[in-house]
């Protein structure tokens, strides 16, 4: 087998199974595997009938000598191109006597007669049926992509758009999940670049497109007659394409992908994103998701064409999350950002100790729909968005409130957001990100009335929280008298700390505090006397009251 025809990727501990590979290729391209779907694969080659015959002959030579003398180790996956039944049968029969190191782990073939399947099973090689109309020049790059991706990182079960290795296939899956339906991303020549998994509701147009074949010409004429392609070329409109019963096509939404221009306008057409309706209706915000996805797809396609350094590392450096110092001109050029003018930085976090999870993908889609040149990243359990051209907190807050409310209503995701607007220079973005982190940290336990806020609006909560954290971090600032109060409560099952906290919160109003803790005022007065006896503090002294309130708040924050 010629070395130049093998695309091998060393495993390095990161693997992909045959099952994952088959699922990624889509049911429109391949069928189920005969054999072990858990087989780990890391390399691929195209093999024709002549090579199979030569390989089977080499087995006879190798049988008379030491294993491996006449044959080299084959790739893990072989794509049988133009192979006849008799050639495949002879090949699998010859494999039966070879050691595992001299057999491929899987074969993708259009030749899958019962006899060939039985011979493959006897050789302990998985056999995957390829659709007769699939084009090998489309199948091979997809296999290579999956193997290369397994080398770069362990492929996540649920890819997130904010991952560093986000690509068009991840984007297609995210759009399908968030907008509903099945997604195909095409280039300007209507060739499928990526797609989400198909199901039984996929129509013939989708199947043919994924197989690398041209759609029905009658349908293409209908699209031209309806002006679909003209509308995609001239605007950011999401076009609703109705089903066509006579041609057997389902309803679709489609948006154009266009290259961003330096002046903030849009440039040449790069392709389109098609969303076919399945069994369920589209999501209510499907059009918004598609517009955001088109902006993201444009950046991915341009990045792929230009082959720049990893975009995510640049974005994290911009936000001060990776390394120090920012070369503003270079970074602005790489991320297609304006080098001058105000920007706004927004941080998003889940409320009530939750996790951002999939909402990170949705945030990026909506940010890109709101502002095509927005930049989004996710770090830990927070997402950060940069909106160029915004100095007004009011405008940014209105968008953030609308987004937070929409996510809570449609996806039951409760988020908090902090804004730093009017950032004068890209070099100040890292400081602005640190500011929104301060706000998100300081309002986590005691959120403001609005879940979208700024440092100016939440300064009291932020500063108090940071003061409490500083006190909590220094053991010598912990008052042992208050610790004695905790020990007393633990030993006797009393609620002296809660009673004292209520008294302090109500500014010494015994009746109001008694209602807060649901006891008689005389009971509360008794408890307060016990607090003074246990701690030695005088609750009539303003300094003692201030110290006690800080110490109780610090311990409550740590618990």
Protein backbone atom coordinates (compact mmCIF):
# COMPACT_ATOMS: atom_id res chain seq x y z
CA UNK A 1 0.00 0.00 0.00
CA UNK A 2 1.59 3.25 -1.11
CA UNK A 3 2.58 5.57 1.70
CA UNK A 4 1.35 8.73 -0.05
CA UNK A 5 -2.20 7.41 -0.02
CA UNK A 6 -2.29 6.96 3.74
CA UNK A 7 -3.38 9.76 6.06
CA UNK A 8 -2.10 8.59 9.42
CA UNK A 9 -2.56 10.42 12.72
CA UNK A 10 -0.65 9.25 15.77
CA UNK A 11 -2.93 8.59 18.71
CA UNK A 12 -0.96 10.27 21.53
CA UNK A 13 -3.51 8.89 23.98
CA UNK A 14 -6.44 10.62 22.21
CA UNK A 15 -8.63 8.18 20.32
CA UNK A 16 -11.82 7.89 18.32
CA UNK A 17 -13.92 4.77 17.97
CA UNK A 18 -15.49 3.40 14.82
CA UNK A 19 -18.93 4.14 16.28
CA UNK A 20 -18.04 7.84 16.67
CA UNK A 21 -16.64 7.92 13.15
CA UNK A 22 -19.79 6.38 11.64
CA UNK A 23 -22.05 8.75 13.57
CA UNK A 24 -20.04 11.73 12.31
CA UNK A 25 -20.28 10.59 8.68
CA UNK A 26 -24.12 10.64 8.89
CA UNK A 27 -26.73 8.04 7.99
CA UNK A 28 -27.03 9.59 4.53
CA UNK A 29 -23.48 8.45 3.78
CA UNK A 30 -22.93 5.20 5.69
CA UNK A 31 -25.00 2.45 7.20
CA UNK A 32 -24.43 0.38 10.31
CA UNK A 33 -21.14 -1.37 10.96
CA UNK A 34 -20.76 -5.15 10.85
CA UNK A 35 -18.21 -5.96 13.53
CA UNK A 36 -16.87 -4.24 16.62
CA UNK A 37 -18.07 -0.58 16.71
CA UNK A 38 -15.81 0.14 19.69
CA UNK A 39 -12.63 -0.43 17.67
CA UNK A 40 -10.21 2.49 18.04
CA UNK A 41 -9.02 4.02 14.76
CA UNK A 42 -6.33 6.60 14.00
CA UNK A 43 -5.37 6.38 10.29
CA UNK A 44 -7.07 5.99 6.90
CA UNK A 45 -6.22 5.11 3.30
CA UNK A 46 -7.96 4.79 -0.07
CA UNK A 47 -7.49 1.30 -1.54
CA UNK A 48 -8.56 0.06 -5.01
CA UNK A 49 -9.09 -3.43 -6.36
CA UNK A 50 -5.56 -3.80 -7.77
CA UNK A 51 -4.01 -2.98 -4.42
CA UNK A 52 -6.28 -5.52 -2.69
CA UNK A 53 -5.17 -8.23 -5.08
CA UNK A 54 -1.51 -7.38 -4.47
CA UNK A 55 -2.08 -7.26 -0.72
CA UNK A 56 -3.78 -10.67 -0.74
CA UNK A 57 -0.82 -12.07 -2.73
CA UNK A 58 1.61 -10.67 -0.21
CA UNK A 59 -0.16 -12.68 2.46
CA UNK A 60 0.94 -15.90 0.77
CA UNK A 61 4.56 -14.71 0.73
CA UNK A 62 4.33 -13.61 4.35
CA UNK A 63 2.95 -16.99 5.39
CA UNK A 64 6.24 -18.64 4.44
CA UNK A 65 8.38 -16.26 6.46
CA UNK A 66 8.29 -14.29 9.67
CA UNK A 67 5.14 -12.19 10.14
CA UNK A 68 5.65 -8.71 8.82
CA UNK A 69 8.59 -9.54 6.51
CA UNK A 70 6.55 -9.09 3.29
CA UNK A 71 3.82 -6.79 4.58
CA UNK A 72 3.72 -3.51 6.47
CA UNK A 73 1.08 -2.62 9.01
CA UNK A 74 -2.05 -1.36 7.20
CA UNK A 75 -3.97 1.77 8.22
CA UNK A 76 -6.75 1.37 10.78
CA UNK A 77 -9.46 2.30 8.26
CA UNK A 78 -9.44 1.31 4.57
CA UNK A 79 -11.78 2.92 2.02
CA UNK A 80 -12.42 0.34 -0.72
CA UNK A 81 -12.82 2.31 -3.94
CA UNK A 82 -14.10 0.50 -7.05
CA UNK A 83 -13.69 -2.92 -5.44
CA UNK A 84 -15.68 -5.86 -6.93
CA UNK A 85 -17.34 -8.58 -4.85
CA UNK A 86 -14.80 -11.25 -5.79
CA UNK A 87 -11.87 -8.95 -4.95
CA UNK A 88 -13.34 -8.04 -1.56
CA UNK A 89 -14.13 -11.68 -0.79
CA UNK A 90 -10.59 -12.83 -1.63
CA UNK A 91 -9.11 -9.98 0.39
CA UNK A 92 -11.07 -10.66 3.58
CA UNK A 93 -10.40 -14.40 3.22
CA UNK A 94 -6.66 -13.68 3.08
CA UNK A 95 -6.89 -11.58 6.24
CA UNK A 96 -8.29 -14.41 8.34
CA UNK A 97 -4.85 -15.91 9.02
CA UNK A 98 -3.01 -12.67 9.75
CA UNK A 99 -2.13 -11.34 13.19
CA UNK A 100 -4.17 -8.28 14.33
CA UNK A 101 -1.24 -5.93 13.63
CA UNK A 102 -1.43 -6.84 9.93
CA UNK A 103 -5.19 -6.37 9.56
CA UNK A 104 -7.12 -3.09 9.26
CA UNK A 105 -9.63 -2.53 12.01
CA UNK A 106 -12.39 -1.32 9.71
CA UNK A 107 -13.26 -1.14 6.02
CA UNK A 108 -15.67 1.31 4.42
CA UNK A 109 -17.03 -0.15 1.19
CA UNK A 110 -19.92 -0.05 -1.27
CA UNK A 111 -19.43 -3.80 -1.71
CA UNK A 112 -21.31 -5.41 1.18
CA UNK A 113 -22.93 -8.56 -0.08
CA UNK A 114 -23.82 -11.21 2.56
CA UNK A 115 -20.79 -13.26 1.50
CA UNK A 116 -18.43 -10.29 1.87
CA UNK A 117 -19.93 -9.43 5.28
CA UNK A 118 -19.41 -13.01 6.44
CA UNK A 119 -15.79 -12.99 5.22
CA UNK A 120 -15.13 -9.67 7.01
CA UNK A 121 -16.61 -11.06 10.19
CA UNK A 122 -14.41 -14.15 9.87
CA UNK A 123 -11.36 -11.88 9.51
CA UNK A 124 -12.42 -9.88 12.58
CA UNK A 125 -12.58 -6.66 10.56
CA UNK A 126 -15.48 -4.25 10.92
CA UNK A 127 -17.25 -3.55 7.62
CA UNK A 128 -19.25 -0.35 7.11
CA UNK A 129 -21.61 0.00 4.16
CA UNK A 130 -21.20 3.22 2.17
CA UNK A 131 -24.12 4.62 0.17
CA UNK A 132 -23.77 3.66 -3.52
CA UNK A 133 -24.11 7.31 -4.59
CA UNK A 134 -21.64 8.72 -2.05
CA UNK A 135 -18.54 10.32 -3.51
CA UNK A 136 -15.24 9.07 -2.12
CA UNK A 137 -13.69 12.51 -2.54
CA UNK A 138 -16.26 13.70 0.02
CA UNK A 139 -16.00 10.71 2.37
CA UNK A 140 -12.19 10.70 2.72
CA UNK A 141 -11.84 14.34 3.89
CA UNK A 142 -14.54 13.80 6.51
CA UNK A 143 -12.79 10.72 7.86
CA UNK A 144 -9.48 12.58 7.91
CA UNK A 145 -11.11 15.50 9.72
CA UNK A 146 -12.44 13.25 12.50
CA UNK A 147 -9.10 11.49 12.93
CA UNK A 148 -7.21 14.78 12.99
CA UNK A 149 -9.69 16.19 15.50
CA UNK A 150 -9.22 13.19 17.79
CA UNK A 151 -5.48 13.89 17.70
CA UNK A 152 -5.94 17.55 18.67
CA UNK A 153 -8.38 16.97 21.49
CA UNK A 154 -10.82 14.45 22.82
CA UNK A 155 -13.97 15.22 20.85
CA UNK A 156 -16.72 16.34 23.27
CA UNK A 157 -20.04 14.56 23.25
CA UNK A 158 -21.79 17.91 23.15
CA UNK A 159 -19.53 20.41 21.35
CA UNK A 160 -19.71 23.98 22.46
CA UNK A 161 -19.19 26.90 20.15
CA UNK A 162 -16.86 28.51 22.63
CA UNK A 163 -14.32 25.68 22.56
CA UNK A 164 -10.94 26.61 21.11
CA UNK A 165 -11.30 24.10 18.25
CA UNK A 166 -14.78 25.12 17.18
CA UNK A 167 -15.30 24.32 13.49
CA UNK A 168 -18.16 24.21 11.02
CA UNK A 169 -19.29 20.73 12.09
CA UNK A 170 -19.51 21.87 15.73
CA UNK A 171 -21.38 24.96 14.58
CA UNK A 172 -23.85 22.88 12.54
CA UNK A 173 -24.60 20.67 15.53
CA UNK A 174 -25.04 23.65 17.85
CA UNK A 175 -27.41 25.40 15.44
CA UNK A 176 -29.44 22.22 14.99
CA UNK A 177 -29.71 21.83 18.75
CA UNK A 178 -30.65 25.45 19.43
CA UNK A 179 -32.84 26.19 16.40
CA UNK A 180 -34.40 22.77 15.80
CA UNK A 181 -34.16 20.76 12.58
CA UNK A 182 -31.21 19.56 10.52
CA UNK A 183 -28.41 21.86 9.38
CA UNK A 184 -26.21 21.97 6.28
CA UNK A 185 -23.49 24.58 5.80
CA UNK A 186 -22.59 25.11 2.14
CA UNK A 187 -19.90 27.09 0.34
CA UNK A 188 -20.58 29.65 -2.38
CA UNK A 189 -20.78 26.84 -4.97
CA UNK A 190 -23.47 24.99 -2.94
CA UNK A 191 -21.07 22.24 -1.86
CA UNK A 192 -21.72 20.92 1.65
CA UNK A 193 -18.91 21.91 4.02
CA UNK A 194 -20.47 20.55 7.21
CA UNK A 195 -23.76 19.22 8.49
CA UNK A 196 -25.55 18.05 11.60
CA UNK A 197 -26.73 14.42 11.93
CA UNK A 198 -29.74 13.44 9.80
CA UNK A 199 -32.80 11.52 10.91
CA UNK A 200 -35.60 9.72 9.12
CA UNK A 201 -37.29 13.02 8.22
CA UNK A 202 -34.39 14.13 5.99
CA UNK A 203 -35.67 14.75 2.45
CA UNK A 204 -33.97 13.70 -0.79
CA UNK A 205 -32.46 17.15 -1.32
CA UNK A 206 -30.57 16.96 1.98
CA UNK A 207 -29.46 13.38 1.37
CA UNK A 208 -28.15 14.13 -2.13
CA UNK A 209 -26.34 17.24 -0.90
CA UNK A 210 -24.56 15.32 1.87
CA UNK A 211 -23.65 12.58 -0.60
CA UNK A 212 -21.87 15.21 -2.67
CA UNK A 213 -24.47 15.18 -5.41
CA UNK A 214 -26.33 18.13 -6.89
CA UNK A 215 -29.90 18.68 -5.74
CA UNK A 216 -32.84 18.18 -8.10
CA UNK A 217 -32.58 20.71 -10.92
CA UNK A 218 -36.32 21.40 -10.76
CA UNK A 219 -35.92 22.46 -7.13
CA UNK A 220 -32.94 24.69 -7.91
CA UNK A 221 -35.03 26.38 -10.61
CA UNK A 222 -37.79 26.92 -8.04
CA UNK A 223 -35.31 28.56 -5.63
CA UNK A 224 -34.14 30.89 -8.37
CA UNK A 225 -37.72 31.70 -9.36
CA UNK A 226 -38.57 32.54 -5.74
CA UNK A 227 -35.52 34.82 -5.59
CA UNK A 228 -33.93 32.93 -2.70
CA UNK A 229 -30.34 33.25 -3.92
CA UNK A 230 -30.77 36.93 -4.80
CA UNK A 231 -32.04 37.64 -1.26
CA UNK A 232 -29.11 35.74 0.25
CA UNK A 233 -26.61 37.77 -1.76
CA UNK A 234 -28.04 41.18 -0.92
CA UNK A 235 -28.76 41.10 2.82
CA UNK A 236 -28.66 39.39 6.20
CA UNK A 237 -32.26 38.25 5.85
CA UNK A 238 -33.23 34.75 6.98
CA UNK A 239 -35.29 33.41 4.08
CA UNK A 240 -38.20 31.09 4.78
CA UNK A 241 -38.41 28.51 1.97
CA UNK A 242 -41.74 26.64 2.08
CA UNK A 243 -42.06 22.94 1.47
CA UNK A 244 -42.69 21.77 -2.08
CA UNK A 245 -44.91 18.69 -2.05
CA UNK A 246 -44.47 17.85 -5.72
CA UNK A 247 -40.68 17.88 -5.44
CA UNK A 248 -40.69 16.19 -2.02
CA UNK A 249 -38.76 18.93 -0.23
CA UNK A 250 -39.43 20.05 3.34
CA UNK A 251 -39.62 23.59 4.69
CA UNK A 252 -36.28 25.31 5.21
CA UNK A 253 -34.80 28.45 6.68
CA UNK A 254 -31.65 29.74 5.02
CA UNK A 255 -29.24 32.60 5.67
CA UNK A 256 -26.25 33.75 3.65
CA UNK A 257 -22.67 33.67 4.94
CA UNK A 258 -20.79 36.76 3.86
CA UNK A 259 -17.26 37.94 4.49
CA UNK A 260 -16.98 40.88 6.91
CA UNK A 261 -15.47 44.00 5.39
CA UNK A 262 -13.12 46.47 7.07
CA UNK A 263 -15.78 49.20 7.10
CA UNK A 264 -18.19 47.06 9.09
CA UNK A 265 -20.30 46.27 6.03
CA UNK A 266 -20.48 42.82 4.48
CA UNK A 267 -18.29 41.55 1.67
CA UNK A 268 -18.44 38.71 -0.79
CA UNK A 269 -20.70 35.70 -0.31
CA UNK A 270 -18.93 32.76 1.31
CA UNK A 271 -21.82 30.32 1.44
CA UNK A 272 -25.09 29.66 3.22
CA UNK A 273 -26.61 27.83 6.19
CA UNK A 274 -29.72 25.72 5.55
CA UNK A 275 -32.02 24.49 8.31
CA UNK A 276 -34.46 21.75 7.27
CA UNK A 277 -37.50 21.24 9.46
CA UNK A 278 -37.83 17.81 11.05
CA UNK A 279 -40.66 16.33 13.07
CA UNK A 280 -40.85 19.35 15.40
CA UNK A 281 -41.36 23.03 14.53
CA UNK A 282 -38.39 25.36 14.50
CA UNK A 283 -37.46 27.10 17.77
CA UNK A 284 -39.02 30.55 18.25
CA UNK A 285 -35.62 32.23 17.93
CA UNK A 286 -34.41 30.07 15.03
CA UNK A 287 -33.91 33.08 12.74
CA UNK A 288 -31.81 34.86 15.38
CA UNK A 289 -29.71 31.74 15.88
CA UNK A 290 -29.13 31.44 12.13
CA UNK A 291 -28.03 35.07 11.82
CA UNK A 292 -25.56 34.63 14.64
CA UNK A 293 -24.33 31.35 13.16
CA UNK A 294 -23.77 33.05 9.78
CA UNK A 295 -21.45 35.60 11.39
CA UNK A 296 -19.54 32.84 13.20
CA UNK A 297 -19.35 30.70 10.04
CA UNK A 298 -17.91 33.67 8.13
CA UNK A 299 -15.10 34.01 10.68
CA UNK A 300 -14.38 30.26 10.62
CA UNK A 301 -14.27 30.15 6.82
CA UNK A 302 -12.06 33.23 6.57
CA UNK A 303 -9.81 31.87 9.32
CA UNK A 304 -9.54 28.55 7.48
CA UNK A 305 -8.72 30.28 4.21
CA UNK A 306 -6.10 32.52 5.79
CA UNK A 307 -4.73 29.85 8.16
CA UNK A 308 -3.93 32.27 11.02
CA UNK A 309 -2.78 31.32 14.51
CA UNK A 310 -5.39 29.99 16.94
CA UNK A 311 -8.15 32.58 17.25
CA UNK A 312 -9.19 31.53 20.70
CA UNK A 313 -5.75 32.21 22.17
CA UNK A 314 -5.85 35.70 20.69
CA UNK A 315 -9.30 36.32 22.15
CA UNK A 316 -8.22 35.12 25.58
CA UNK A 317 -5.15 37.32 25.43
CA UNK A 318 -7.42 40.24 24.56
CA UNK A 319 -9.52 39.54 27.67
CA UNK A 320 -6.43 39.08 29.85
CA UNK A 321 -7.08 35.35 30.28
CA UNK A 322 -3.92 34.09 28.56
CA UNK A 323 -0.55 35.68 29.05
CA UNK A 324 0.22 39.33 29.58
CA UNK A 325 0.45 42.28 27.22
CA UNK A 326 -1.56 42.92 24.06
CA UNK A 327 -0.22 43.92 20.67
CA UNK A 328 -3.33 45.94 19.83
CA UNK A 329 -2.74 46.55 16.08
CA UNK A 330 -1.91 42.90 15.37
CA UNK A 331 -4.73 41.60 17.53
CA UNK A 332 -7.28 43.98 16.00
CA UNK A 333 -6.26 42.88 12.52
CA UNK A 334 -6.41 39.17 13.35
CA UNK A 335 -9.85 39.43 14.96
CA UNK A 336 -11.22 41.96 12.46
CA UNK A 337 -11.89 44.49 15.23
CA UNK A 338 -11.79 48.27 14.94
CA UNK A 339 -8.53 49.53 16.40
CA UNK A 340 -10.11 52.71 17.81
CA UNK A 341 -13.37 53.72 19.41
CA UNK A 342 -15.21 52.63 22.56
CA UNK A 343 -16.07 49.02 23.30
CA UNK A 344 -18.23 47.34 25.90
CA UNK A 345 -17.33 44.20 27.84
CA UNK A 346 -20.07 42.01 29.30
CA UNK A 347 -19.55 39.08 31.64
CA UNK A 348 -22.22 36.38 32.04
CA UNK A 349 -22.51 33.87 34.87
CA UNK A 350 -25.18 31.46 36.03
CA UNK A 351 -27.28 32.44 39.03
CA UNK A 352 -27.59 30.55 42.32
CA UNK A 353 -24.38 28.53 42.00
CA UNK A 354 -25.50 27.08 38.67
CA UNK A 355 -23.40 26.41 35.60
CA UNK A 356 -23.41 28.23 32.29
CA UNK A 357 -23.32 24.99 30.29
CA UNK A 358 -24.90 25.12 26.84
CA UNK A 359 -25.96 28.74 27.32
CA UNK A 360 -22.42 29.69 26.27
CA UNK A 361 -23.20 28.62 22.70
CA UNK A 362 -26.45 30.57 22.65
CA UNK A 363 -24.75 33.70 24.02
CA UNK A 364 -22.22 33.63 21.22
CA UNK A 365 -24.90 33.19 18.57
CA UNK A 366 -26.98 36.07 19.90
CA UNK A 367 -23.96 38.33 20.34
CA UNK A 368 -22.93 37.73 16.74
CA UNK A 369 -26.48 38.44 15.57
CA UNK A 370 -26.53 41.70 17.58
CA UNK A 371 -23.09 42.80 16.40
CA UNK A 372 -21.34 40.90 13.61
CA UNK A 373 -17.87 41.85 14.86
CA UNK A 374 -18.57 40.88 18.46
CA UNK A 375 -16.01 38.63 20.16
CA UNK A 376 -17.00 35.95 22.66
CA UNK A 377 -15.06 33.50 24.80
CA UNK A 378 -15.79 31.19 27.67
CA UNK A 379 -13.45 30.73 30.61
CA UNK A 380 -14.43 28.43 33.45
CA UNK A 381 -18.11 28.95 34.18
CA UNK A 382 -18.26 32.44 32.69
CA UNK A 383 -18.71 33.86 29.23
CA UNK A 384 -17.32 37.20 28.11
CA UNK A 385 -18.58 39.28 25.19
CA UNK A 386 -16.88 42.28 23.60
CA UNK A 387 -19.12 44.66 21.62
CA UNK A 388 -17.19 47.19 19.53
CA UNK A 389 -18.54 50.71 19.15
CA UNK A 390 -20.48 50.96 22.44
CA UNK A 391 -19.93 53.71 24.99
CA UNK A 392 -23.47 53.79 26.40
CA UNK A 393 -24.19 51.44 29.28
CA UNK A 394 -27.91 51.95 28.70
CA UNK A 395 -27.84 50.52 25.16
CA UNK A 396 -25.74 47.53 26.14
CA UNK A 397 -27.80 46.92 29.30
CA UNK A 398 -31.03 46.93 27.27
CA UNK A 399 -29.66 44.22 24.97
CA UNK A 400 -28.26 42.19 27.87
CA UNK A 401 -31.56 42.38 29.80
CA UNK A 402 -33.49 41.28 26.74
CA UNK A 403 -31.11 38.36 26.18
CA UNK A 404 -31.10 37.25 29.83
CA UNK A 405 -34.90 37.41 29.91
CA UNK A 406 -35.27 35.51 26.65
CA UNK A 407 -32.95 32.72 27.78
CA UNK A 408 -34.82 32.36 31.06
CA UNK A 409 -38.18 32.21 29.30
CA UNK A 410 -37.24 29.95 26.39
CA UNK A 411 -34.47 27.77 27.86
CA UNK A 412 -34.93 28.04 31.64
CA UNK A 413 -31.38 29.35 32.04
CA UNK A 414 -31.06 31.98 34.78
CA UNK A 415 -28.08 34.24 34.15
CA UNK A 416 -26.49 37.32 35.71
CA UNK A 417 -24.60 39.88 33.68
CA UNK A 418 -22.13 42.67 34.50
CA UNK A 419 -21.24 45.46 32.08
CA UNK A 420 -18.23 47.71 31.59
CA UNK A 421 -19.04 50.11 28.74
CA UNK A 422 -17.12 52.98 27.24
CA UNK A 423 -13.78 51.16 27.31
CA UNK A 424 -11.64 53.54 25.30
CA UNK A 425 -8.98 51.19 23.93
CA UNK A 426 -8.56 47.49 23.16
CA UNK A 427 -5.58 47.47 25.49
CA UNK A 428 -7.99 48.22 28.37
CA UNK A 429 -10.26 45.23 27.68
CA UNK A 430 -8.41 43.02 30.20
CA UNK A 431 -9.00 45.59 32.96
CA UNK A 432 -12.66 45.83 31.97
CA UNK A 433 -12.97 42.03 32.13
CA UNK A 434 -11.46 42.12 35.65
CA UNK A 435 -14.05 44.78 36.57
CA UNK A 436 -17.02 42.68 35.43
CA UNK A 437 -15.53 39.72 37.32
CA UNK A 438 -15.49 41.87 40.47
CA UNK A 439 -19.17 42.65 39.97
CA UNK A 440 -20.14 39.03 39.28
CA UNK A 441 -18.15 37.87 42.34
CA UNK A 442 -19.52 40.61 44.58
CA UNK A 443 -23.17 40.09 43.65
CA UNK A 444 -23.23 36.27 43.63
CA UNK A 445 -24.60 35.94 47.18
CA UNK A 446 -26.65 39.14 47.25
CA UNK A 447 -27.75 39.91 43.69
CA UNK A 448 -29.05 43.41 42.94
CA UNK A 449 -32.65 44.04 41.96
CA UNK A 450 -31.71 43.68 38.28
CA UNK A 451 -29.65 40.70 37.12
CA UNK A 452 -27.87 43.03 34.69
CA UNK A 453 -25.72 45.57 36.54
CA UNK A 454 -22.49 47.58 36.58
CA UNK A 455 -19.81 48.33 39.13
CA UNK A 456 -21.31 51.80 39.75
CA UNK A 457 -24.73 50.30 40.47
CA UNK A 458 -23.41 47.50 42.72
CA UNK A 459 -20.39 49.14 44.32
CA UNK A 460 -21.63 48.64 47.90
CA UNK A 461 -22.14 44.90 47.46
CA UNK A 462 -18.87 44.53 45.55
CA UNK A 463 -16.72 46.44 48.01
CA UNK A 464 -18.33 44.87 51.06
CA UNK A 465 -17.84 41.41 49.60
CA UNK A 466 -14.18 42.10 48.87
CA UNK A 467 -13.65 43.49 52.39
CA UNK A 468 -15.22 40.36 53.86
CA UNK A 469 -13.01 38.17 51.67
CA UNK A 470 -9.90 40.04 52.83
CA UNK A 471 -10.91 39.61 56.47
CA UNK A 472 -11.72 35.96 55.89
CA UNK A 473 -8.33 35.30 54.31
CA UNK A 474 -6.40 36.59 57.35
CA UNK A 475 -6.72 34.37 60.40
CA UNK A 476 -5.48 37.09 62.76
CA UNK A 477 -8.55 39.20 61.85
CA UNK A 478 -10.97 36.50 63.03
CA UNK A 479 -12.50 37.47 66.40
CA UNK A 480 -12.33 34.47 68.79
CA UNK A 481 -15.28 35.88 70.74
CA UNK A 482 -17.55 35.36 67.74
CA UNK A 483 -16.14 31.87 67.29
CA UNK A 484 -17.15 31.23 70.90
CA UNK A 485 -20.71 32.22 69.94
CA UNK A 486 -20.71 29.64 67.15
CA UNK A 487 -19.45 26.95 69.55
CA UNK A 488 -22.18 27.84 72.06
CA UNK A 489 -24.89 27.48 69.40
CA UNK A 490 -23.46 24.13 68.29
CA UNK A 491 -23.29 22.73 71.83
CA UNK A 492 -26.69 23.94 73.05
CA UNK A 493 -28.73 23.97 69.85
CA UNK A 494 -29.46 27.68 70.26
CA UNK A 495 -29.77 30.43 67.65
CA UNK A 496 -27.80 33.25 69.22
CA UNK A 497 -25.95 34.14 65.98
CA UNK A 498 -29.17 34.37 63.96
CA UNK A 499 -30.79 36.46 66.66
CA UNK A 500 -27.83 38.85 66.84
CA UNK A 501 -27.72 39.16 63.03
CA UNK A 502 -31.43 40.04 62.93
CA UNK A 503 -30.99 42.63 65.70
CA UNK A 504 -28.08 44.24 63.82
CA UNK A 505 -29.88 44.15 60.45
CA UNK A 506 -32.86 45.98 61.97
CA UNK A 507 -30.60 48.63 63.51
CA UNK A 508 -31.37 47.64 67.11
CA UNK A 509 -35.19 47.53 66.71
CA UNK A 510 -36.06 44.61 68.98
CA UNK A 511 -39.69 44.24 67.87
CA UNK A 512 -38.81 44.21 64.16
CA UNK A 513 -35.95 41.78 64.73
CA UNK A 514 -38.19 39.51 66.82
CA UNK A 515 -40.65 39.32 63.93
CA UNK A 516 -37.78 38.47 61.59
CA UNK A 517 -36.73 35.44 63.67
CA UNK A 518 -40.35 34.68 64.72
CA UNK A 519 -39.99 34.90 68.51
CA UNK A 520 -41.48 37.11 71.23
CA UNK A 521 -39.55 40.37 71.83
CA UNK A 522 -38.79 39.26 75.40
CA UNK A 523 -37.30 36.03 74.06
CA UNK A 524 -35.09 38.03 71.73
CA UNK A 525 -33.99 40.33 74.59
CA UNK A 526 -32.99 37.23 76.60
CA UNK A 527 -30.99 35.89 73.65
CA UNK A 528 -29.18 39.21 73.19
CA UNK A 529 -28.16 39.21 76.86
CA UNK A 530 -26.77 35.69 76.38
CA UNK A 531 -24.83 36.97 73.31
CA UNK A 532 -23.20 39.65 75.46
CA UNK A 533 -22.41 37.13 78.23
CA UNK A 534 -20.84 34.61 75.83
CA UNK A 535 -18.81 37.12 73.78
CA UNK A 536 -18.15 39.92 76.24
CA UNK A 537 -19.32 42.43 73.59
CA UNK A 538 -21.53 45.39 74.45
CA UNK A 539 -24.38 45.62 71.94
CA UNK A 540 -24.98 49.23 72.99
CA UNK A 541 -21.49 50.15 71.77
CA UNK A 542 -21.46 51.15 68.04
CA UNK A 543 -17.92 49.76 67.54
CA UNK A 544 -18.83 46.40 69.05
CA UNK A 545 -21.96 46.22 66.91
CA UNK A 546 -20.01 47.03 63.72
CA UNK A 547 -17.34 44.46 64.50
CA UNK A 548 -19.91 41.78 65.33
CA UNK A 549 -21.85 42.45 62.11
CA UNK A 550 -18.69 42.18 59.98
CA UNK A 551 -17.56 38.99 61.69
CA UNK A 552 -20.99 37.35 61.32
CA UNK A 553 -21.21 38.38 57.65
CA UNK A 554 -17.69 37.05 56.98
CA UNK A 555 -18.52 33.67 58.52
CA UNK A 556 -21.84 33.50 56.67
CA UNK A 557 -20.03 34.17 53.38
CA UNK A 558 -17.54 31.37 54.06
CA UNK A 559 -20.13 28.78 55.17
